[in-house]
Amino acid sequence: SGLNIMISGFCLDPVFVGQAKEQLSVPEMAGFCKDTIMKG
């Protein structure tokens, strides 16, 4: 509730769904982001 987030992620070898690149499909990125946020 009320949460406002700005996210900038990078992958060395990103996989996007389509050339428009609106959806990332790299399963390993989820765990990396979760661990980064929790440690931070």
PDB file of all heavy atoms in Angstrom:
ATOM      1  N   SER A   1       0.833  -1.206   0.000  1.00  0.00           N
ATOM      2  CA  SER A   1       0.000   0.000   0.000  1.00  0.00           C
ATOM      3  C   SER A   1       0.867   1.255   0.000  1.00  0.00           C
ATOM      4  O   SER A   1       1.664   1.467   0.912  1.00  0.00           O
ATOM      5  CB  SER A   1      -0.921   0.001   1.224  1.00  0.00           C
ATOM      6  OG  SER A   1      -1.812  -1.080   1.171  1.00  0.00           O
ATOM      7  N   GLY A   2       0.702   2.082  -1.039  1.00  0.00           N
ATOM      8  CA  GLY A   2       1.460   3.332  -1.131  1.00  0.00           C
ATOM      9  C   GLY A   2       2.879   3.177  -1.634  1.00  0.00           C
ATOM     10  O   GLY A   2       3.613   4.160  -1.750  1.00  0.00           O
ATOM     11  N   LEU A   3       3.290   1.936  -1.937  1.00  0.00           N
ATOM     12  CA  LEU A   3       4.666   1.671  -2.367  1.00  0.00           C
ATOM     13  C   LEU A   3       4.903   2.179  -3.796  1.00  0.00           C
ATOM     14  O   LEU A   3       4.148   1.868  -4.706  1.00  0.00           O
ATOM     15  CB  LEU A   3       4.937   0.174  -2.289  1.00  0.00           C
ATOM     16  CG  LEU A   3       6.319  -0.332  -2.762  1.00  0.00           C
ATOM     17  CD1 LEU A   3       7.435   0.293  -1.945  1.00  0.00           C
ATOM     18  CD2 LEU A   3       6.366  -1.857  -2.677  1.00  0.00           C
ATOM     19  N   ASN A   4       5.955   2.940  -3.975  1.00  0.00           N
ATOM     20  CA  ASN A   4       6.324   3.474  -5.293  1.00  0.00           C
ATOM     21  C   ASN A   4       7.778   3.101  -5.559  1.00  0.00           C
ATOM     22  O   ASN A   4       8.669   3.494  -4.798  1.00  0.00           O
ATOM     23  CB  ASN A   4       6.143   4.997  -5.309  1.00  0.00           C
ATOM     24  CG  ASN A   4       6.053   5.548  -6.722  1.00  0.00           C
ATOM     25  OD1 ASN A   4       6.879   5.218  -7.561  1.00  0.00           O
ATOM     26  ND2 ASN A   4       5.070   6.400  -6.964  1.00  0.00           N
ATOM     27  N   ILE A   5       8.001   2.322  -6.628  1.00  0.00           N
ATOM     28  CA  ILE A   5       9.338   1.764  -6.888  1.00  0.00           C
ATOM     29  C   ILE A   5       9.857   2.174  -8.258  1.00  0.00           C
ATOM     30  O   ILE A   5       9.111   2.189  -9.244  1.00  0.00           O
ATOM     31  CB  ILE A   5       9.325   0.218  -6.858  1.00  0.00           C
ATOM     32  CG1 ILE A   5       8.437  -0.328  -5.751  1.00  0.00           C
ATOM     33  CG2 ILE A   5      10.741  -0.334  -6.718  1.00  0.00           C
ATOM     34  CD1 ILE A   5       8.249  -1.834  -5.812  1.00  0.00           C
ATOM     35  N   MET A   6      11.145   2.440  -8.310  1.00  0.00           N
ATOM     36  CA  MET A   6      11.870   2.629  -9.572  1.00  0.00           C
ATOM     37  C   MET A   6      12.919   1.527  -9.648  1.00  0.00           C
ATOM     38  O   MET A   6      13.737   1.374  -8.725  1.00  0.00           O
ATOM     39  CB  MET A   6      12.541   4.002  -9.614  1.00  0.00           C
ATOM     40  CG  MET A   6      13.245   4.320 -10.924  1.00  0.00           C
ATOM     41  SD  MET A   6      12.071   4.667 -12.250  1.00  0.00           S
ATOM     42  CE  MET A   6      13.176   5.051 -13.594  1.00  0.00           C
ATOM     43  N   ILE A   7      12.890   0.735 -10.719  1.00  0.00           N
ATOM     44  CA  ILE A   7      13.784  -0.416 -10.859  1.00  0.00           C
ATOM     45  C   ILE A   7      14.606  -0.296 -12.131  1.00  0.00           C
ATOM     46  O   ILE A   7      14.065  -0.035 -13.205  1.00  0.00           O
ATOM     47  CB  ILE A   7      12.985  -1.738 -10.909  1.00  0.00           C
ATOM     48  CG1 ILE A   7      12.165  -1.936  -9.634  1.00  0.00           C
ATOM     49  CG2 ILE A   7      13.916  -2.930 -11.132  1.00  0.00           C
ATOM     50  CD1 ILE A   7      11.186  -3.103  -9.715  1.00  0.00           C
ATOM     51  N   SER A   8      15.900  -0.494 -12.006  1.00  0.00           N
ATOM     52  CA  SER A   8      16.779  -0.584 -13.171  1.00  0.00           C
ATOM     53  C   SER A   8      17.600  -1.861 -13.039  1.00  0.00           C
ATOM     54  O   SER A   8      18.487  -1.963 -12.193  1.00  0.00           O
ATOM     55  CB  SER A   8      17.717   0.623 -13.251  1.00  0.00           C
ATOM     56  OG  SER A   8      18.633   0.465 -14.328  1.00  0.00           O
ATOM     57  N   GLY A   9      17.256  -2.842 -13.871  1.00  0.00           N
ATOM     58  CA  GLY A   9      17.985  -4.097 -13.852  1.00  0.00           C
ATOM     59  C   GLY A   9      18.838  -4.263 -15.096  1.00  0.00           C
ATOM     60  O   GLY A   9      18.544  -3.681 -16.149  1.00  0.00           O
ATOM     61  N   PHE A  10      19.894  -5.049 -14.981  1.00  0.00           N
ATOM     62  CA  PHE A  10      20.746  -5.364 -16.127  1.00  0.00           C
ATOM     63  C   PHE A  10      21.096  -6.845 -16.081  1.00  0.00           C
ATOM     64  O   PHE A  10      21.342  -7.400 -15.004  1.00  0.00           O
ATOM     65  CB  PHE A  10      22.049  -4.556 -16.102  1.00  0.00           C
ATOM     66  CG  PHE A  10      21.890  -3.108 -16.460  1.00  0.00           C
ATOM     67  CD1 PHE A  10      21.612  -2.168 -15.489  1.00  0.00           C
ATOM     68  CD2 PHE A  10      22.016  -2.688 -17.779  1.00  0.00           C
ATOM     69  CE1 PHE A  10      21.472  -0.825 -15.809  1.00  0.00           C
ATOM     70  CE2 PHE A  10      21.872  -1.349 -18.115  1.00  0.00           C
ATOM     71  CZ  PHE A  10      21.603  -0.418 -17.131  1.00  0.00           C
ATOM     72  N   CYS A  11      21.092  -7.465 -17.241  1.00  0.00           N
ATOM     73  CA  CYS A  11      21.566  -8.838 -17.384  1.00  0.00           C
ATOM     74  C   CYS A  11      22.656  -8.849 -18.440  1.00  0.00           C
ATOM     75  O   CYS A  11      22.549  -8.143 -19.455  1.00  0.00           O
ATOM     76  CB  CYS A  11      20.443  -9.773 -17.836  1.00  0.00           C
ATOM     77  SG  CYS A  11      19.049  -9.878 -16.697  1.00  0.00           S
ATOM     78  N   LEU A  12      23.683  -9.643 -18.211  1.00  0.00           N
ATOM     79  CA  LEU A  12      24.740  -9.742 -19.210  1.00  0.00           C
ATOM     80  C   LEU A  12      24.190 -10.339 -20.498  1.00  0.00           C
ATOM     81  O   LEU A  12      24.538  -9.909 -21.596  1.00  0.00           O
ATOM     82  CB  LEU A  12      25.892 -10.599 -18.667  1.00  0.00           C
ATOM     83  CG  LEU A  12      27.195 -10.552 -19.474  1.00  0.00           C
ATOM     84  CD1 LEU A  12      27.785  -9.141 -19.483  1.00  0.00           C
ATOM     85  CD2 LEU A  12      28.216 -11.529 -18.900  1.00  0.00           C
ATOM     86  N   ASP A  13      23.314 -11.319 -20.358  1.00  0.00           N
ATOM     87  CA  ASP A  13      22.665 -11.943 -21.523  1.00  0.00           C
ATOM     88  C   ASP A  13      21.155 -11.931 -21.319  1.00  0.00           C
ATOM     89  O   ASP A  13      20.549 -12.950 -20.971  1.00  0.00           O
ATOM     90  CB  ASP A  13      23.159 -13.381 -21.715  1.00  0.00           C
ATOM     91  CG  ASP A  13      24.633 -13.435 -22.101  1.00  0.00           C
ATOM     92  OD1 ASP A  13      24.979 -12.847 -23.129  1.00  0.00           O
ATOM     93  OD2 ASP A  13      25.414 -14.062 -21.362  1.00  0.00           O
ATOM     94  N   PRO A  14      20.522 -10.791 -21.516  1.00  0.00           N
ATOM     95  CA  PRO A  14      19.080 -10.704 -21.284  1.00  0.00           C
ATOM     96  C   PRO A  14      18.287 -11.454 -22.341  1.00  0.00           C
ATOM     97  O   PRO A  14      18.698 -11.566 -23.492  1.00  0.00           O
ATOM     98  CB  PRO A  14      18.805  -9.198 -21.366  1.00  0.00           C
ATOM     99  CG  PRO A  14      19.866  -8.687 -22.280  1.00  0.00           C
ATOM    100  CD  PRO A  14      21.085  -9.523 -21.993  1.00  0.00           C
ATOM    101  N   VAL A  15      17.156 -11.964 -21.923  1.00  0.00           N
ATOM    102  CA  VAL A  15      16.218 -12.607 -22.843  1.00  0.00           C
ATOM    103  C   VAL A  15      14.881 -11.886 -22.692  1.00  0.00           C
ATOM    104  O   VAL A  15      14.309 -11.864 -21.602  1.00  0.00           O
ATOM    105  CB  VAL A  15      16.037 -14.109 -22.533  1.00  0.00           C
ATOM    106  CG1 VAL A  15      15.002 -14.707 -23.471  1.00  0.00           C
ATOM    107  CG2 VAL A  15      17.362 -14.836 -22.654  1.00  0.00           C
ATOM    108  N   PHE A  16      14.417 -11.291 -23.780  1.00  0.00           N
ATOM    109  CA  PHE A  16      13.153 -10.575 -23.753  1.00  0.00           C
ATOM    110  C   PHE A  16      12.119 -11.314 -24.589  1.00  0.00           C
ATOM    111  O   PHE A  16      12.455 -12.025 -25.531  1.00  0.00           O
ATOM    112  CB  PHE A  16      13.314  -9.151 -24.305  1.00  0.00           C
ATOM    113  CG  PHE A  16      14.104  -8.243 -23.409  1.00  0.00           C
ATOM    114  CD1 PHE A  16      15.440  -7.986 -23.663  1.00  0.00           C
ATOM    115  CD2 PHE A  16      13.509  -7.633 -22.319  1.00  0.00           C
ATOM    116  CE1 PHE A  16      16.171  -7.146 -22.848  1.00  0.00           C
ATOM    117  CE2 PHE A  16      14.226  -6.791 -21.492  1.00  0.00           C
ATOM    118  CZ  PHE A  16      15.561  -6.541 -21.753  1.00  0.00           C
ATOM    119  N   VAL A  17      10.863 -11.110 -24.227  1.00  0.00           N
ATOM    120  CA  VAL A  17       9.766 -11.667 -25.002  1.00  0.00           C
ATOM    121  C   VAL A  17       9.443 -10.677 -26.111  1.00  0.00           C
ATOM    122  O   VAL A  17       8.781  -9.671 -25.882  1.00  0.00           O
ATOM    123  CB  VAL A  17       8.522 -11.917 -24.128  1.00  0.00           C
ATOM    124  CG1 VAL A  17       7.382 -12.468 -24.970  1.00  0.00           C
ATOM    125  CG2 VAL A  17       8.859 -12.859 -22.975  1.00  0.00           C
ATOM    126  N   GLY A  18       9.986 -10.908 -27.318  1.00  0.00           N
ATOM    127  CA  GLY A  18       9.736 -10.024 -28.449  1.00  0.00           C
ATOM    128  C   GLY A  18      10.752  -8.909 -28.567  1.00  0.00           C
ATOM    129  O   GLY A  18      11.444  -8.545 -27.610  1.00  0.00           O
ATOM    130  N   GLN A  19      10.841  -8.324 -29.776  1.00  0.00           N
ATOM    131  CA  GLN A  19      11.787  -7.252 -30.047  1.00  0.00           C
ATOM    132  C   GLN A  19      11.465  -5.983 -29.267  1.00  0.00           C
ATOM    133  O   GLN A  19      12.332  -5.178 -28.990  1.00  0.00           O
ATOM    134  CB  GLN A  19      11.805  -6.944 -31.561  1.00  0.00           C
ATOM    135  CG  GLN A  19      12.668  -5.756 -31.967  1.00  0.00           C
ATOM    136  CD  GLN A  19      14.140  -5.933 -31.610  1.00  0.00           C
ATOM    137  OE1 GLN A  19      14.655  -7.036 -31.578  1.00  0.00           O
ATOM    138  NE2 GLN A  19      14.804  -4.815 -31.314  1.00  0.00           N
ATOM    139  N   ALA A  20      10.179  -5.800 -28.890  1.00  0.00           N
ATOM    140  CA  ALA A  20       9.794  -4.601 -28.143  1.00  0.00           C
ATOM    141  C   ALA A  20      10.397  -4.587 -26.734  1.00  0.00           C
ATOM    142  O   ALA A  20      10.440  -3.534 -26.096  1.00  0.00           O
ATOM    143  CB  ALA A  20       8.273  -4.501 -28.048  1.00  0.00           C
ATOM    144  N   LYS A  21      10.845  -5.747 -26.238  1.00  0.00           N
ATOM    145  CA  LYS A  21      11.594  -5.849 -24.985  1.00  0.00           C
ATOM    146  C   LYS A  21      10.812  -5.356 -23.767  1.00  0.00           C
ATOM    147  O   LYS A  21      11.373  -4.783 -22.841  1.00  0.00           O
ATOM    148  CB  LYS A  21      12.910  -5.065 -25.092  1.00  0.00           C
ATOM    149  CG  LYS A  21      13.779  -5.475 -26.264  1.00  0.00           C
ATOM    150  CD  LYS A  21      14.949  -4.525 -26.456  1.00  0.00           C
ATOM    151  CE  LYS A  21      15.725  -4.846 -27.716  1.00  0.00           C
ATOM    152  NZ  LYS A  21      16.758  -3.858 -28.025  1.00  0.00           N
ATOM    153  N   GLU A  22       9.503  -5.618 -23.741  1.00  0.00           N
ATOM    154  CA  GLU A  22       8.681  -5.159 -22.628  1.00  0.00           C
ATOM    155  C   GLU A  22       8.637  -6.161 -21.474  1.00  0.00           C
ATOM    156  O   GLU A  22       8.200  -5.819 -20.382  1.00  0.00           O
ATOM    157  CB  GLU A  22       7.248  -4.887 -23.101  1.00  0.00           C
ATOM    158  CG  GLU A  22       7.134  -3.705 -24.041  1.00  0.00           C
ATOM    159  CD  GLU A  22       5.702  -3.435 -24.462  1.00  0.00           C
ATOM    160  OE1 GLU A  22       4.931  -4.406 -24.615  1.00  0.00           O
ATOM    161  OE2 GLU A  22       5.364  -2.259 -24.628  1.00  0.00           O
ATOM    162  N   GLN A  23       9.079  -7.383 -21.709  1.00  0.00           N
ATOM    163  CA  GLN A  23       9.017  -8.397 -20.658  1.00  0.00           C
ATOM    164  C   GLN A  23      10.311  -9.200 -20.622  1.00  0.00           C
ATOM    165  O   GLN A  23      10.705  -9.817 -21.611  1.00  0.00           O
ATOM    166  CB  GLN A  23       7.833  -9.329 -20.894  1.00  0.00           C
ATOM    167  CG  GLN A  23       7.707 -10.412 -19.821  1.00  0.00           C
ATOM    168  CD  GLN A  23       6.464 -11.262 -19.994  1.00  0.00           C
ATOM    169  OE1 GLN A  23       5.516 -10.836 -20.632  1.00  0.00           O
ATOM    170  NE2 GLN A  23       6.475 -12.457 -19.429  1.00  0.00           N
ATOM    171  N   LEU A  24      10.971  -9.186 -19.468  1.00  0.00           N
ATOM    172  CA  LEU A  24      12.200  -9.951 -19.276  1.00  0.00           C
ATOM    173  C   LEU A  24      11.861 -11.398 -18.954  1.00  0.00           C
ATOM    174  O   LEU A  24      10.910 -11.681 -18.225  1.00  0.00           O
ATOM    175  CB  LEU A  24      13.027  -9.350 -18.141  1.00  0.00           C
ATOM    176  CG  LEU A  24      14.350 -10.054 -17.827  1.00  0.00           C
ATOM    177  CD1 LEU A  24      15.357  -9.822 -18.941  1.00  0.00           C
ATOM    178  CD2 LEU A  24      14.911  -9.578 -16.490  1.00  0.00           C
ATOM    179  N   SER A  25      12.647 -12.327 -19.488  1.00  0.00           N
ATOM    180  CA  SER A  25      12.449 -13.746 -19.188  1.00  0.00           C
ATOM    181  C   SER A  25      13.790 -14.381 -18.841  1.00  0.00           C
ATOM    182  O   SER A  25      14.387 -15.106 -19.619  1.00  0.00           O
ATOM    183  CB  SER A  25      11.810 -14.463 -20.390  1.00  0.00           C
ATOM    184  OG  SER A  25      11.597 -15.823 -20.108  1.00  0.00           O
ATOM    185  N   VAL A  26      14.281 -14.092 -17.634  1.00  0.00           N
ATOM    186  CA  VAL A  26      15.525 -14.652 -17.107  1.00  0.00           C
ATOM    187  C   VAL A  26      15.245 -15.098 -15.669  1.00  0.00           C
ATOM    188  O   VAL A  26      15.335 -14.297 -14.733  1.00  0.00           O
ATOM    189  CB  VAL A  26      16.679 -13.625 -17.139  1.00  0.00           C
ATOM    190  CG1 VAL A  26      17.962 -14.251 -16.585  1.00  0.00           C
ATOM    191  CG2 VAL A  26      16.913 -13.113 -18.555  1.00  0.00           C
ATOM    192  N   PRO A  27      14.860 -16.362 -15.456  1.00  0.00           N
ATOM    193  CA  PRO A  27      14.451 -16.830 -14.126  1.00  0.00           C
ATOM    194  C   PRO A  27      15.456 -16.526 -13.013  1.00  0.00           C
ATOM    195  O   PRO A  27      15.059 -16.219 -11.886  1.00  0.00           O
ATOM    196  CB  PRO A  27      14.287 -18.343 -14.334  1.00  0.00           C
ATOM    197  CG  PRO A  27      13.953 -18.486 -15.789  1.00  0.00           C
ATOM    198  CD  PRO A  27      14.748 -17.419 -16.488  1.00  0.00           C
ATOM    199  N   GLU A  28      16.749 -16.612 -13.314  1.00  0.00           N
ATOM    200  CA  GLU A  28      17.771 -16.388 -12.275  1.00  0.00           C
ATOM    201  C   GLU A  28      17.740 -14.957 -11.732  1.00  0.00           C
ATOM    202  O   GLU A  28      18.204 -14.689 -10.623  1.00  0.00           O
ATOM    203  CB  GLU A  28      19.160 -16.685 -12.839  1.00  0.00           C
ATOM    204  CG  GLU A  28      19.376 -18.120 -13.294  1.00  0.00           C
ATOM    205  CD  GLU A  28      18.868 -18.396 -14.681  1.00  0.00           C
ATOM    206  OE1 GLU A  28      18.334 -17.462 -15.328  1.00  0.00           O
ATOM    207  OE2 GLU A  28      19.002 -19.544 -15.157  1.00  0.00           O
ATOM    208  N   MET A  29      17.198 -14.037 -12.507  1.00  0.00           N
ATOM    209  CA  MET A  29      17.178 -12.633 -12.095  1.00  0.00           C
ATOM    210  C   MET A  29      16.280 -12.418 -10.878  1.00  0.00           C
ATOM    211  O   MET A  29      16.537 -11.537 -10.060  1.00  0.00           O
ATOM    212  CB  MET A  29      16.706 -11.767 -13.273  1.00  0.00           C
ATOM    213  CG  MET A  29      16.821 -10.271 -13.058  1.00  0.00           C
ATOM    214  SD  MET A  29      18.540  -9.726 -12.976  1.00  0.00           S
ATOM    215  CE  MET A  29      18.314  -7.939 -13.014  1.00  0.00           C
ATOM    216  N   ALA A  30      15.232 -13.221 -10.740  1.00  0.00           N
ATOM    217  CA  ALA A  30      14.300 -13.063  -9.615  1.00  0.00           C
ATOM    218  C   ALA A  30      15.014 -13.273  -8.278  1.00  0.00           C
ATOM    219  O   ALA A  30      14.895 -12.455  -7.359  1.00  0.00           O
ATOM    220  CB  ALA A  30      13.129 -14.030  -9.756  1.00  0.00           C
ATOM    221  N   GLY A  31      15.761 -14.361  -8.160  1.00  0.00           N
ATOM    222  CA  GLY A  31      16.476 -14.641  -6.918  1.00  0.00           C
ATOM    223  C   GLY A  31      17.542 -13.608  -6.633  1.00  0.00           C
ATOM    224  O   GLY A  31      17.742 -13.209  -5.475  1.00  0.00           O
ATOM    225  N   PHE A  32      18.250 -13.187  -7.671  1.00  0.00           N
ATOM    226  CA  PHE A  32      19.288 -12.160  -7.497  1.00  0.00           C
ATOM    227  C   PHE A  32      18.677 -10.871  -6.944  1.00  0.00           C
ATOM    228  O   PHE A  32      19.217 -10.273  -5.994  1.00  0.00           O
ATOM    229  CB  PHE A  32      19.979 -11.887  -8.833  1.00  0.00           C
ATOM    230  CG  PHE A  32      20.883 -10.677  -8.817  1.00  0.00           C
ATOM    231  CD1 PHE A  32      22.166 -10.763  -8.294  1.00  0.00           C
ATOM    232  CD2 PHE A  32      20.439  -9.462  -9.319  1.00  0.00           C
ATOM    233  CE1 PHE A  32      22.992  -9.648  -8.255  1.00  0.00           C
ATOM    234  CE2 PHE A  32      21.257  -8.346  -9.293  1.00  0.00           C
ATOM    235  CZ  PHE A  32      22.537  -8.433  -8.764  1.00  0.00           C
ATOM    236  N   CYS A  33      17.559 -10.437  -7.517  1.00  0.00           N
ATOM    237  CA  CYS A  33      16.928  -9.192  -7.076  1.00  0.00           C
ATOM    238  C   CYS A  33      16.377  -9.307  -5.663  1.00  0.00           C
ATOM    239  O   CYS A  33      16.539  -8.399  -4.844  1.00  0.00           O
ATOM    240  CB  CYS A  33      15.829  -8.789  -8.058  1.00  0.00           C
ATOM    241  SG  CYS A  33      16.432  -8.269  -9.680  1.00  0.00           S
ATOM    242  N   LYS A  34      15.740 -10.442  -5.368  1.00  0.00           N
ATOM    243  CA  LYS A  34      15.194 -10.635  -4.027  1.00  0.00           C
ATOM    244  C   LYS A  34      16.301 -10.611  -2.977  1.00  0.00           C
ATOM    245  O   LYS A  34      16.190  -9.921  -1.950  1.00  0.00           O
ATOM    246  CB  LYS A  34      14.441 -11.972  -3.953  1.00  0.00           C
ATOM    247  CG  LYS A  34      13.755 -12.214  -2.614  1.00  0.00           C
ATOM    248  CD  LYS A  34      13.220 -13.632  -2.504  1.00  0.00           C
ATOM    249  CE  LYS A  34      14.360 -14.604  -2.268  1.00  0.00           C
ATOM    250  NZ  LYS A  34      13.880 -15.975  -1.982  1.00  0.00           N
ATOM    251  N   ASP A  35      17.376 -11.334  -3.220  1.00  0.00           N
ATOM    252  CA  ASP A  35      18.491 -11.373  -2.265  1.00  0.00           C
ATOM    253  C   ASP A  35      19.150 -10.002  -2.127  1.00  0.00           C
ATOM    254  O   ASP A  35      19.528  -9.591  -1.019  1.00  0.00           O
ATOM    255  CB  ASP A  35      19.534 -12.392  -2.723  1.00  0.00           C
ATOM    256  CG  ASP A  35      19.029 -13.828  -2.625  1.00  0.00           C
ATOM    257  OD1 ASP A  35      18.011 -14.045  -1.944  1.00  0.00           O
ATOM    258  OD2 ASP A  35      19.652 -14.719  -3.244  1.00  0.00           O
ATOM    259  N   THR A  36      19.296  -9.287  -3.252  1.00  0.00           N
ATOM    260  CA  THR A  36      19.898  -7.954  -3.211  1.00  0.00           C
ATOM    261  C   THR A  36      19.070  -7.009  -2.353  1.00  0.00           C
ATOM    262  O   THR A  36      19.611  -6.262  -1.522  1.00  0.00           O
ATOM    263  CB  THR A  36      20.029  -7.382  -4.638  1.00  0.00           C
ATOM    264  OG1 THR A  36      20.934  -8.197  -5.388  1.00  0.00           O
ATOM    265  CG2 THR A  36      20.547  -5.947  -4.616  1.00  0.00           C
ATOM    266  N   ILE A  37      17.759  -7.032  -2.531  1.00  0.00           N
ATOM    267  CA  ILE A  37      16.875  -6.161  -1.760  1.00  0.00           C
ATOM    268  C   ILE A  37      16.912  -6.517  -0.272  1.00  0.00           C
ATOM    269  O   ILE A  37      17.027  -5.626   0.591  1.00  0.00           O
ATOM    270  CB  ILE A  37      15.427  -6.256  -2.285  1.00  0.00           C
ATOM    271  CG1 ILE A  37      15.324  -5.639  -3.672  1.00  0.00           C
ATOM    272  CG2 ILE A  37      14.462  -5.576  -1.315  1.00  0.00           C
ATOM    273  CD1 ILE A  37      15.618  -4.169  -3.752  1.00  0.00           C
ATOM    274  N   MET A  38      16.848  -7.793   0.055  1.00  0.00           N
ATOM    275  CA  MET A  38      16.812  -8.193   1.460  1.00  0.00           C
ATOM    276  C   MET A  38      18.115  -7.867   2.178  1.00  0.00           C
ATOM    277  O   MET A  38      18.109  -7.399   3.317  1.00  0.00           O
ATOM    278  CB  MET A  38      16.459  -9.677   1.573  1.00  0.00           C
ATOM    279  CG  MET A  38      15.052  -9.994   1.074  1.00  0.00           C
ATOM    280  SD  MET A  38      14.498 -11.689   1.356  1.00  0.00           S
ATOM    281  CE  MET A  38      14.216 -11.675   3.122  1.00  0.00           C
ATOM    282  N   LYS A  39      19.237  -8.089   1.515  1.00  0.00           N
ATOM    283  CA  LYS A  39      20.526  -7.727   2.115  1.00  0.00           C
ATOM    284  C   LYS A  39      20.657  -6.214   2.246  1.00  0.00           C
ATOM    285  O   LYS A  39      21.187  -5.695   3.233  1.00  0.00           O
ATOM    286  CB  LYS A  39      21.669  -8.286   1.268  1.00  0.00           C
ATOM    287  CG  LYS A  39      21.787  -9.805   1.326  1.00  0.00           C
ATOM    288  CD  LYS A  39      22.860 -10.324   0.375  1.00  0.00           C
ATOM    289  CE  LYS A  39      22.919 -11.845   0.398  1.00  0.00           C
ATOM    290  NZ  LYS A  39      23.900 -12.376  -0.580  1.00  0.00           N
ATOM    291  N   GLY A  40      20.164  -5.501   1.222  1.00  0.00           N
ATOM    292  CA  GLY A  40      20.213  -4.037   1.273  1.00  0.00           C
ATOM    293  C   GLY A  40      19.363  -3.479   2.396  1.00  0.00           C
ATOM    294  O   GLY A  40      19.749  -2.507   3.059  1.00  0.00           O
TER     295      GLY A  40
END
